[in-house]
Amino acid sequence: MKDHGIIQSMSRKGNSLDNRLMENFFSIMKREMFYGYESQYKNTDELIRAIHQYIYYYNNERIKIKLKGLSPVQYRTQSLTA
């Protein structure tokens, strides 16, 4: 990993809250685009493409009640212009 400039990061032992935002995102992503749809992806490339599309959807189109009914990008843009 060091050869590629990647730094390994791990949560403190026994503290699942360290990474709760990403854990929540991955839980939602698996529930919305993977569980029950596994046979839809014929190979790894299709799955990777679907993950990229989902991340775009999640950030730009999927609204969240916690963000006042806006997508994360819309909320961030609105916050920066306020």
N, C-alpha and C. Protein backbone atom coordinates (compact mmCIF):
# COMPACT_ATOMS: atom_id res chain seq x y z
N MET A 1 0.82 -1.19 0.00
CA MET A 1 0.00 0.00 0.00
C MET A 1 0.86 1.26 0.00
N LYS A 2 1.97 1.21 0.71
CA LYS A 2 2.84 2.38 0.75
C LYS A 2 3.35 2.76 -0.63
N ASP A 3 3.60 1.76 -1.49
CA ASP A 3 4.08 2.02 -2.84
C ASP A 3 3.10 2.85 -3.65
N HIS A 4 1.82 2.79 -3.29
CA HIS A 4 0.77 3.51 -4.02
C HIS A 4 0.29 4.75 -3.27
N GLY A 5 0.98 5.12 -2.20
CA GLY A 5 0.62 6.33 -1.45
C GLY A 5 -0.62 6.17 -0.60
N ILE A 6 -0.95 4.93 -0.23
CA ILE A 6 -2.15 4.68 0.57
C ILE A 6 -1.73 4.48 2.02
N ILE A 7 -2.40 5.18 2.92
CA ILE A 7 -2.12 5.06 4.35
C ILE A 7 -3.24 4.25 4.98
N GLN A 8 -2.88 3.16 5.64
CA GLN A 8 -3.87 2.33 6.29
C GLN A 8 -4.32 3.02 7.57
N SER A 9 -5.63 3.06 7.77
CA SER A 9 -6.19 3.68 8.95
C SER A 9 -7.14 2.71 9.62
N MET A 10 -7.03 2.59 10.90
CA MET A 10 -7.90 1.67 11.63
C MET A 10 -8.49 2.39 12.83
N SER A 11 -9.73 1.99 13.16
CA SER A 11 -10.39 2.54 14.33
C SER A 11 -9.70 2.04 15.60
N ARG A 12 -9.96 2.75 16.67
CA ARG A 12 -9.46 2.28 17.95
C ARG A 12 -10.16 0.97 18.29
N LYS A 13 -9.48 0.08 18.93
CA LYS A 13 -10.02 -1.23 19.26
C LYS A 13 -11.30 -1.09 20.09
N GLY A 14 -12.35 -1.76 19.65
CA GLY A 14 -13.60 -1.77 20.40
C GLY A 14 -14.41 -0.51 20.30
N ASN A 15 -14.11 0.37 19.32
CA ASN A 15 -14.85 1.62 19.19
C ASN A 15 -15.40 1.76 17.77
N SER A 16 -16.59 1.20 17.57
CA SER A 16 -17.19 1.22 16.23
C SER A 16 -17.66 2.61 15.83
N LEU A 17 -17.74 3.54 16.77
CA LEU A 17 -18.22 4.88 16.45
C LEU A 17 -17.19 5.71 15.69
N ASP A 18 -15.93 5.27 15.69
CA ASP A 18 -14.88 6.01 14.98
C ASP A 18 -15.20 6.16 13.49
N ASN A 19 -15.86 5.19 12.92
CA ASN A 19 -16.09 5.18 11.48
C ASN A 19 -17.59 5.10 11.16
N ARG A 20 -18.42 5.63 12.03
CA ARG A 20 -19.87 5.44 11.91
C ARG A 20 -20.45 6.06 10.64
N LEU A 21 -19.92 7.16 10.15
CA LEU A 21 -20.48 7.77 8.94
C LEU A 21 -20.29 6.87 7.72
N MET A 22 -19.10 6.31 7.56
CA MET A 22 -18.86 5.42 6.42
C MET A 22 -19.59 4.09 6.61
N GLU A 23 -19.64 3.59 7.83
CA GLU A 23 -20.38 2.35 8.09
C GLU A 23 -21.85 2.54 7.72
N ASN A 24 -22.41 3.68 8.06
CA ASN A 24 -23.81 3.98 7.72
C ASN A 24 -23.99 4.06 6.20
N PHE A 25 -23.08 4.75 5.51
CA PHE A 25 -23.16 4.85 4.06
C PHE A 25 -23.11 3.47 3.42
N PHE A 26 -22.15 2.64 3.81
CA PHE A 26 -22.04 1.31 3.19
C PHE A 26 -23.26 0.45 3.49
N SER A 27 -23.83 0.59 4.66
CA SER A 27 -25.05 -0.15 5.00
C SER A 27 -26.20 0.25 4.07
N ILE A 28 -26.38 1.55 3.88
CA ILE A 28 -27.43 2.05 2.99
C ILE A 28 -27.17 1.59 1.56
N MET A 29 -25.94 1.72 1.09
CA MET A 29 -25.62 1.34 -0.28
C MET A 29 -25.90 -0.14 -0.52
N LYS A 30 -25.47 -0.99 0.39
CA LYS A 30 -25.71 -2.42 0.21
C LYS A 30 -27.20 -2.74 0.21
N ARG A 31 -27.94 -2.08 1.07
CA ARG A 31 -29.38 -2.32 1.16
C ARG A 31 -30.10 -1.83 -0.09
N GLU A 32 -29.70 -0.69 -0.63
CA GLU A 32 -30.41 -0.09 -1.76
C GLU A 32 -29.96 -0.62 -3.13
N MET A 33 -28.73 -1.10 -3.25
CA MET A 33 -28.28 -1.48 -4.60
C MET A 33 -27.70 -2.87 -4.71
N PHE A 34 -27.54 -3.57 -3.60
CA PHE A 34 -26.89 -4.87 -3.72
C PHE A 34 -27.76 -6.03 -3.24
N TYR A 35 -28.20 -5.98 -1.98
CA TYR A 35 -28.98 -7.11 -1.45
C TYR A 35 -30.23 -7.33 -2.28
N GLY A 36 -30.37 -8.53 -2.83
CA GLY A 36 -31.49 -8.86 -3.68
C GLY A 36 -31.22 -8.60 -5.16
N TYR A 37 -30.10 -7.94 -5.45
CA TYR A 37 -29.75 -7.61 -6.84
C TYR A 37 -28.43 -8.25 -7.26
N GLU A 38 -27.91 -9.15 -6.45
CA GLU A 38 -26.58 -9.71 -6.71
C GLU A 38 -26.44 -10.30 -8.13
N SER A 39 -27.47 -10.96 -8.61
CA SER A 39 -27.38 -11.61 -9.92
C SER A 39 -27.39 -10.61 -11.08
N GLN A 40 -27.71 -9.36 -10.77
CA GLN A 40 -27.75 -8.30 -11.79
C GLN A 40 -26.34 -7.98 -12.29
N TYR A 41 -25.34 -8.18 -11.45
CA TYR A 41 -23.96 -7.84 -11.80
C TYR A 41 -23.26 -9.08 -12.34
N LYS A 42 -22.97 -9.07 -13.62
CA LYS A 42 -22.42 -10.25 -14.29
C LYS A 42 -20.91 -10.40 -14.10
N ASN A 43 -20.24 -9.30 -13.76
CA ASN A 43 -18.80 -9.36 -13.52
C ASN A 43 -18.40 -8.19 -12.63
N THR A 44 -17.14 -8.18 -12.26
CA THR A 44 -16.62 -7.15 -11.35
C THR A 44 -16.72 -5.76 -11.95
N ASP A 45 -16.48 -5.64 -13.25
CA ASP A 45 -16.55 -4.33 -13.90
C ASP A 45 -17.95 -3.73 -13.81
N GLU A 46 -18.97 -4.55 -13.99
CA GLU A 46 -20.35 -4.06 -13.87
C GLU A 46 -20.65 -3.61 -12.44
N LEU A 47 -20.16 -4.36 -11.47
CA LEU A 47 -20.37 -3.99 -10.07
C LEU A 47 -19.66 -2.68 -9.75
N ILE A 48 -18.43 -2.52 -10.20
CA ILE A 48 -17.68 -1.28 -9.96
C ILE A 48 -18.39 -0.10 -10.59
N ARG A 49 -18.87 -0.27 -11.82
CA ARG A 49 -19.60 0.80 -12.51
C ARG A 49 -20.88 1.17 -11.73
N ALA A 50 -21.58 0.16 -11.24
CA ALA A 50 -22.80 0.39 -10.47
C ALA A 50 -22.49 1.13 -9.16
N ILE A 51 -21.38 0.79 -8.53
CA ILE A 51 -20.99 1.48 -7.29
C ILE A 51 -20.70 2.95 -7.58
N HIS A 52 -19.98 3.23 -8.65
CA HIS A 52 -19.70 4.63 -9.02
C HIS A 52 -20.99 5.39 -9.29
N GLN A 53 -21.92 4.75 -9.99
CA GLN A 53 -23.20 5.39 -10.28
C GLN A 53 -23.98 5.64 -8.99
N TYR A 54 -23.94 4.69 -8.07
CA TYR A 54 -24.66 4.86 -6.81
C TYR A 54 -24.06 6.00 -5.99
N ILE A 55 -22.74 6.10 -5.94
CA ILE A 55 -22.10 7.18 -5.18
C ILE A 55 -22.51 8.54 -5.76
N TYR A 56 -22.55 8.64 -7.08
CA TYR A 56 -23.01 9.88 -7.70
C TYR A 56 -24.46 10.17 -7.30
N TYR A 57 -25.32 9.15 -7.40
CA TYR A 57 -26.73 9.30 -7.02
C TYR A 57 -26.84 9.72 -5.55
N TYR A 58 -26.12 9.05 -4.68
CA TYR A 58 -26.20 9.33 -3.24
C TYR A 58 -25.81 10.77 -2.94
N ASN A 59 -24.75 11.24 -3.56
CA ASN A 59 -24.26 12.59 -3.29
C ASN A 59 -25.06 13.69 -3.96
N ASN A 60 -25.59 13.42 -5.16
CA ASN A 60 -26.20 14.48 -5.96
C ASN A 60 -27.72 14.43 -6.06
N GLU A 61 -28.32 13.28 -5.88
CA GLU A 61 -29.76 13.16 -6.12
C GLU A 61 -30.56 12.64 -4.93
N ARG A 62 -29.99 11.79 -4.13
CA ARG A 62 -30.73 11.17 -3.03
C ARG A 62 -30.92 12.18 -1.91
N ILE A 63 -32.17 12.50 -1.64
CA ILE A 63 -32.43 13.49 -0.59
C ILE A 63 -32.36 12.84 0.79
N LYS A 64 -32.05 13.65 1.78
CA LYS A 64 -31.98 13.18 3.16
C LYS A 64 -32.80 14.14 4.03
N ILE A 65 -33.64 13.59 4.85
CA ILE A 65 -34.46 14.41 5.74
C ILE A 65 -33.56 15.21 6.69
N LYS A 66 -32.47 14.59 7.17
CA LYS A 66 -31.55 15.29 8.07
C LYS A 66 -30.92 16.52 7.42
N LEU A 67 -30.91 16.54 6.08
CA LEU A 67 -30.33 17.67 5.35
C LEU A 67 -31.44 18.55 4.77
N LYS A 68 -32.55 18.62 5.47
CA LYS A 68 -33.68 19.48 5.09
C LYS A 68 -34.24 19.14 3.71
N GLY A 69 -34.25 17.83 3.38
CA GLY A 69 -34.81 17.39 2.11
C GLY A 69 -33.92 17.65 0.90
N LEU A 70 -32.64 17.90 1.15
CA LEU A 70 -31.69 18.16 0.07
C LEU A 70 -30.72 16.99 -0.06
N SER A 71 -30.07 16.89 -1.21
CA SER A 71 -28.98 15.93 -1.35
C SER A 71 -27.76 16.49 -0.63
N PRO A 72 -26.76 15.65 -0.32
CA PRO A 72 -25.56 16.18 0.33
C PRO A 72 -24.90 17.33 -0.45
N VAL A 73 -24.81 17.22 -1.77
CA VAL A 73 -24.19 18.29 -2.57
C VAL A 73 -25.04 19.56 -2.51
N GLN A 74 -26.35 19.43 -2.63
CA GLN A 74 -27.22 20.60 -2.55
C GLN A 74 -27.10 21.28 -1.19
N TYR A 75 -27.07 20.47 -0.13
CA TYR A 75 -26.97 21.02 1.22
C TYR A 75 -25.64 21.76 1.42
N ARG A 76 -24.56 21.14 0.96
CA ARG A 76 -23.24 21.77 1.10
C ARG A 76 -23.17 23.07 0.30
N THR A 77 -23.71 23.06 -0.92
CA THR A 77 -23.72 24.26 -1.76
C THR A 77 -24.52 25.36 -1.09
N GLN A 78 -25.69 25.01 -0.56
CA GLN A 78 -26.54 25.99 0.11
C GLN A 78 -25.83 26.55 1.36
N SER A 79 -25.16 25.68 2.10
CA SER A 79 -24.45 26.12 3.30
C SER A 79 -23.32 27.09 2.97
N LEU A 80 -22.64 26.85 1.86
CA LEU A 80 -21.51 27.70 1.48
C LEU A 80 -21.96 29.07 0.97
N THR A 81 -23.17 29.14 0.42
CA THR A 81 -23.65 30.41 -0.12
C THR A 81 -24.46 31.21 0.89
N ALA A 82 -24.72 30.62 2.05
CA ALA A 82 -25.52 31.32 3.07
C ALA A 82 -24.70 32.32 3.85
